[in-house]
Amino acid sequence: MRIATWNVNSITARLPRLLAWLESSGTDVLCVQETKCAESAFPYEPLRELGYEAAVNATGRWNGVALISKAGLTDVTVGLPGGPDYDGGQEPRAIGATCGPVRLWSVYVPNGREIGHPHYDYKLRWLEALRTTVAGDAAGERPFAVLGDFNVAPTDEDVWDRSAFDGLTHVTDLEREALAALREAGLSDVVPRPLKYDRPFTYWDYRELGFPKNRGMRIDLVYGNEVFAKAVGDAYVDREERKGKGASDHAPVVVDLEV
């Protein structure tokens, strides 16, 4: 079973690439982040023509997540139960479903913006709510994973140059402690192999030739429970999909499960 996660940075803008990638990659379930569209504008029909159904949590031009599956979609949970509000409501950042033999969450963790910004505190509270939400499934006997754009680099090795991030979000102790707490709930980091270079970055800024210079970060993560992790046959970053005109600034992370 092939499972992937990809921040597409607008599913409308990336739709031709997304459809072509789904066909060529043979992915069974794709966790999507940053759909940047209302649910009514989500491309259900083109996906259906390829044999996929979709569960979507999206409200407009910002954020938005989805699960796209050929393996079934049942027990769908839209939104993060008990998750914090921001600007008067809960943003569309999480969706969970059972896809065949596995239970999955697609998540788009808040960016945090700046240290000390209300959005930074919101990010930490959101990660704590995620930990509470997934603890039961993490301890369960079926394969379970949380996949998505976590907007946190777990270690200094997960950024191209740690000194370039001094005073910025994504690398702070509090963010990394929140990730560690999530792992302590019964999840482990399924680290993919890179297709080029020595570190499996998943995101490269559009600015200043970030991708050609490999100035990247590993912030798109797969956190699986013990059953999931033991079933992993391979995991890699499909760096090729970051190339060319109209690419997202993130690359897909692909996991092959022997289930």
Protein backbone atom coordinates (compact mmCIF):
# COMPACT_ATOMS: atom_id res chain seq x y z
CA MET A 1 0.00 0.00 0.00
CA ARG A 2 1.47 3.35 -1.02
CA ILE A 3 0.68 6.37 1.16
CA ALA A 4 1.95 9.90 0.59
CA THR A 5 1.71 13.40 1.97
CA TRP A 6 2.06 16.59 -0.05
CA ASN A 7 1.56 20.27 0.63
CA VAL A 8 0.39 21.27 -2.84
CA ASN A 9 0.20 25.03 -2.14
CA SER A 10 -3.16 25.40 -3.95
CA ILE A 11 -4.82 22.33 -5.39
CA THR A 12 -6.37 24.46 -8.15
CA ALA A 13 -3.03 25.79 -9.33
CA ARG A 14 -1.40 22.37 -9.03
CA LEU A 15 -4.22 20.18 -10.34
CA PRO A 16 -2.66 19.01 -13.65
CA ARG A 17 0.57 18.10 -11.87
CA LEU A 18 -1.33 16.42 -9.05
CA LEU A 19 -3.40 14.25 -11.37
CA ALA A 20 -0.36 13.26 -13.43
CA TRP A 21 1.59 12.43 -10.28
CA LEU A 22 -1.19 10.29 -8.85
CA GLU A 23 -1.32 8.29 -12.07
CA SER A 24 2.43 7.84 -12.42
CA SER A 25 3.21 7.18 -8.75
CA GLY A 26 0.55 4.55 -8.08
CA THR A 27 -0.35 6.19 -4.78
CA ASP A 28 -3.26 4.61 -2.91
CA VAL A 29 -3.82 7.37 -0.35
CA LEU A 30 -2.59 10.96 -0.50
CA CYS A 31 -2.74 13.37 2.42
CA VAL A 32 -2.97 16.91 1.03
CA GLN A 33 -2.32 20.25 2.71
CA GLU A 34 -2.91 23.85 1.67
CA THR A 35 -5.74 23.17 -0.73
CA LYS A 36 -6.49 26.91 -0.68
CA CYS A 37 -10.02 26.50 -1.98
CA ALA A 38 -13.54 26.20 -0.66
CA GLU A 39 -14.90 22.67 -0.39
CA SER A 40 -17.37 23.50 -3.17
CA ALA A 41 -14.43 24.20 -5.50
CA PHE A 42 -12.51 21.03 -4.65
CA PRO A 43 -11.79 18.91 -7.78
CA TYR A 44 -13.81 15.84 -6.79
CA GLU A 45 -14.72 14.86 -10.34
CA PRO A 46 -11.23 14.76 -11.93
CA LEU A 47 -10.07 12.67 -8.98
CA ARG A 48 -13.09 10.38 -9.28
CA GLU A 49 -12.22 9.77 -12.92
CA LEU A 50 -8.88 8.36 -11.71
CA GLY A 51 -10.61 6.15 -9.15
CA TYR A 52 -10.13 8.33 -6.07
CA GLU A 53 -12.62 9.59 -3.54
CA ALA A 54 -11.87 12.51 -1.26
CA ALA A 55 -12.63 13.73 2.24
CA VAL A 56 -12.07 17.47 2.55
CA ASN A 57 -11.80 20.12 5.25
CA ALA A 58 -11.56 23.44 3.44
CA THR A 59 -13.31 26.78 3.75
CA GLY A 60 -11.65 29.21 1.39
CA ARG A 61 -8.44 30.68 0.06
CA TRP A 62 -6.28 29.80 3.10
CA ASN A 63 -5.22 26.49 4.63
CA GLY A 64 -7.35 23.42 3.82
CA VAL A 65 -6.58 19.70 4.03
CA ALA A 66 -7.83 16.55 2.35
CA LEU A 67 -7.49 12.78 2.15
CA ILE A 68 -7.58 11.37 -1.38
CA SER A 69 -8.00 7.60 -1.44
CA LYS A 70 -8.40 4.55 -3.65
CA ALA A 71 -8.50 2.37 -0.54
CA GLY A 72 -11.76 3.64 0.92
CA LEU A 73 -12.74 6.46 3.27
CA THR A 74 -14.72 5.66 6.40
CA ASP A 75 -15.07 7.07 9.91
CA VAL A 76 -14.14 10.54 8.67
CA THR A 77 -13.35 13.17 11.32
CA VAL A 78 -13.39 16.74 10.00
CA GLY A 79 -11.38 19.13 12.13
CA LEU A 80 -9.32 18.62 15.25
CA PRO A 81 -11.57 17.69 18.20
CA GLY A 82 -10.90 20.14 21.00
CA GLY A 83 -8.54 22.12 18.80
CA PRO A 84 -7.96 25.81 19.55
CA ASP A 85 -9.63 28.65 17.70
CA TYR A 86 -7.84 31.46 15.92
CA ASP A 87 -9.54 34.72 14.97
CA GLY A 88 -12.86 33.43 16.22
CA GLY A 89 -12.96 29.94 14.77
CA GLN A 90 -11.16 26.69 14.11
CA GLU A 91 -9.12 26.79 10.92
CA PRO A 92 -9.38 23.86 8.42
CA ARG A 93 -6.12 22.15 9.34
CA ALA A 94 -6.95 18.52 10.11
CA ILE A 95 -8.94 15.61 8.74
CA GLY A 96 -8.84 11.95 9.70
CA ALA A 97 -10.22 8.79 8.10
CA THR A 98 -9.82 5.06 7.87
CA CYS A 99 -8.46 4.00 4.49
CA GLY A 100 -8.61 0.24 4.13
CA PRO A 101 -6.39 -1.29 6.84
CA VAL A 102 -4.94 2.01 8.10
CA ARG A 103 -6.16 5.02 10.04
CA LEU A 104 -4.67 8.33 8.87
CA TRP A 105 -4.71 12.03 9.67
CA SER A 106 -3.75 14.74 7.21
CA VAL A 107 -2.61 17.83 9.12
CA TYR A 108 -1.39 21.32 8.35
CA VAL A 109 0.14 22.65 11.55
CA PRO A 110 -0.03 26.43 12.01
CA ASN A 111 3.05 28.31 10.83
CA GLY A 112 3.56 30.33 13.99
CA ARG A 113 4.69 33.42 12.07
CA GLU A 114 7.04 34.97 14.66
CA ILE A 115 8.24 34.06 18.13
CA GLY A 116 5.94 35.88 20.56
CA HIS A 117 3.17 36.32 17.98
CA PRO A 118 -0.29 35.04 19.02
CA HIS A 119 -0.03 32.59 16.12
CA TYR A 120 3.06 31.05 17.73
CA ASP A 121 1.16 30.32 20.94
CA TYR A 122 -1.71 29.03 18.81
CA LYS A 123 0.71 26.65 17.07
CA LEU A 124 1.86 25.19 20.38
CA ARG A 125 -1.72 24.78 21.64
CA TRP A 126 -2.71 23.19 18.33
CA LEU A 127 0.08 20.60 18.58
CA GLU A 128 -1.00 19.76 22.14
CA ALA A 129 -4.57 19.26 20.93
CA LEU A 130 -3.27 17.02 18.16
CA ARG A 131 -1.40 14.91 20.71
CA THR A 132 -4.56 14.48 22.77
CA THR A 133 -6.61 13.60 19.69
CA VAL A 134 -4.31 10.90 18.33
CA ALA A 135 -3.16 9.26 21.56
CA GLY A 136 -5.82 6.55 21.45
CA ASP A 137 -5.15 5.53 17.85
CA ALA A 138 -1.39 5.74 18.40
CA ALA A 139 -1.67 3.10 21.12
CA GLY A 140 -3.94 0.88 19.03
CA GLU A 141 -3.25 -2.37 17.21
CA ARG A 142 -3.92 -1.21 13.65
CA PRO A 143 -1.52 0.83 11.50
CA PHE A 144 -1.97 4.50 12.28
CA ALA A 145 -0.14 7.63 11.16
CA VAL A 146 -0.32 11.40 11.21
CA LEU A 147 1.06 12.89 8.00
CA GLY A 148 1.42 16.43 6.78
CA ASP A 149 3.15 19.76 6.91
CA PHE A 150 4.15 20.18 10.56
CA ASN A 151 5.96 23.49 10.05
CA VAL A 152 8.65 22.27 12.47
CA ALA A 153 12.07 20.86 11.62
CA PRO A 154 12.64 18.12 14.23
CA THR A 155 16.43 18.58 14.49
CA ASP A 156 19.18 20.90 13.29
CA GLU A 157 20.02 18.31 10.63
CA ASP A 158 16.59 18.98 9.13
CA VAL A 159 17.49 22.50 7.95
CA TRP A 160 20.13 23.48 5.44
CA ASP A 161 21.86 25.90 7.83
CA ARG A 162 20.75 26.19 11.45
CA SER A 163 22.35 29.63 11.83
CA ALA A 164 20.07 30.97 9.08
CA PHE A 165 17.09 30.34 11.36
CA ASP A 166 18.32 32.09 14.50
CA GLY A 167 15.41 33.96 16.08
CA LEU A 168 12.87 32.38 13.73
CA THR A 169 10.10 29.84 14.11
CA HIS A 170 10.22 26.20 12.94
CA VAL A 171 13.38 25.40 14.93
CA THR A 172 12.67 26.68 18.46
CA ASP A 173 12.93 24.50 21.54
CA LEU A 174 9.23 24.86 22.35
CA GLU A 175 8.16 23.71 18.88
CA ARG A 176 10.52 20.74 18.99
CA GLU A 177 9.35 19.87 22.50
CA ALA A 178 5.77 19.80 21.20
CA LEU A 179 6.85 17.36 18.49
CA ALA A 180 8.64 15.23 21.07
CA ALA A 181 5.46 15.13 23.15
CA LEU A 182 3.58 13.90 20.08
CA ARG A 183 6.08 11.09 19.63
CA GLU A 184 5.79 10.22 23.30
CA ALA A 185 2.10 9.53 22.69
CA GLY A 186 3.23 6.43 20.78
CA LEU A 187 4.42 7.70 17.40
CA SER A 188 7.80 7.57 15.70
CA ASP A 189 9.30 9.64 12.90
CA VAL A 190 9.36 7.68 9.63
CA VAL A 191 12.37 9.41 8.07
CA PRO A 192 12.39 9.13 4.26
CA ARG A 193 15.46 8.70 2.12
CA PRO A 194 16.43 11.56 -0.20
CA LEU A 195 16.56 10.98 -3.94
CA LYS A 196 19.50 13.39 -4.15
CA TYR A 197 21.99 14.87 -1.69
CA ASP A 198 22.38 13.52 1.82
CA ARG A 199 19.40 14.98 3.68
CA PRO A 200 15.72 14.36 2.91
CA PHE A 201 14.46 17.93 2.73
CA THR A 202 10.81 18.34 1.76
CA TYR A 203 10.49 22.12 1.39
CA TRP A 204 12.55 24.72 -0.47
CA ASP A 205 11.65 28.41 -0.57
CA TYR A 206 10.81 29.86 -3.98
CA ARG A 207 13.11 32.80 -3.26
CA GLU A 208 16.86 33.11 -3.74
CA LEU A 209 17.25 29.87 -5.72
CA GLY A 210 16.37 27.84 -2.66
CA PHE A 211 15.74 24.63 -4.58
CA PRO A 212 18.73 24.66 -6.99
CA LYS A 213 21.00 25.45 -4.03
CA ASN A 214 19.29 22.77 -1.89
CA ARG A 215 18.55 25.26 0.86
CA GLY A 216 15.75 23.18 2.24
CA MET A 217 13.96 21.98 5.35
CA ARG A 218 12.37 18.71 6.42
CA ILE A 219 9.01 19.85 7.75
CA ASP A 220 6.65 17.44 5.95
CA LEU A 221 6.59 14.49 8.32
CA VAL A 222 5.15 11.01 8.73
CA TYR A 223 4.55 10.03 12.35
CA GLY A 224 3.41 6.42 12.66
CA ASN A 225 2.58 4.12 15.53
CA GLU A 226 4.57 0.94 16.14
CA VAL A 227 2.39 -1.18 13.87
CA PHE A 228 2.68 1.35 11.05
CA ALA A 229 6.44 1.80 11.45
CA LYS A 230 7.09 -1.94 11.41
CA ALA A 231 5.15 -2.25 8.14
CA VAL A 232 7.21 0.39 6.29
CA GLY A 233 9.05 -1.17 3.36
CA ASP A 234 10.38 2.07 1.92
CA ALA A 235 10.02 5.83 2.38
CA TYR A 236 11.41 8.58 0.18
CA VAL A 237 11.05 12.22 -0.84
CA ASP A 238 9.95 12.53 -4.45
CA ARG A 239 12.24 15.46 -5.09
CA GLU A 240 11.59 15.35 -8.84
CA GLU A 241 8.11 16.75 -8.26
CA ARG A 242 9.60 19.98 -6.88
CA LYS A 243 11.21 20.68 -10.27
CA GLY A 244 9.88 22.62 -13.21
CA LYS A 245 7.30 25.26 -13.94
CA GLY A 246 4.29 25.40 -11.64
CA ALA A 247 5.73 23.22 -8.87
CA SER A 248 4.70 23.50 -5.25
CA ASP A 249 7.42 24.61 -2.86
CA HIS A 250 7.03 21.22 -1.13
CA ALA A 251 7.79 17.75 -2.50
CA PRO A 252 5.69 14.64 -1.79
CA VAL A 253 6.84 12.22 0.89
CA VAL A 254 6.00 8.64 -0.11
CA VAL A 255 5.72 5.62 2.19
CA ASP A 256 5.27 2.02 1.06
CA LEU A 257 3.54 -0.19 3.61
CA GLU A 258 3.60 -3.96 3.60
CA VAL A 259 0.04 -4.50 4.79
